[in-house]
Amino acid sequence: MFEDGTATAIDDVQTDPDIYNPETPIRSELHLPLGEYGTLLAGSPTPRSSIHKTS
């Protein structure tokens, strides 16, 4: 992510094979590279697929 400058959205952290902490309450994450400044990480306790469902 940081190296190539690509933003990444993880819909459900619990299903990600690279999960760092299986006990985390965070379910979805957004990783936004900020160039030479680092990466902005935002998380939600709700899986992304649940947030964007429409009826």
Foldseek 3Di string as FASTA:
>chain_A
DQVVQDKDKDQALCPDPPRDDNPDLFTIKIWGHDHPPGIDIDTDSHGNVVVPDDD
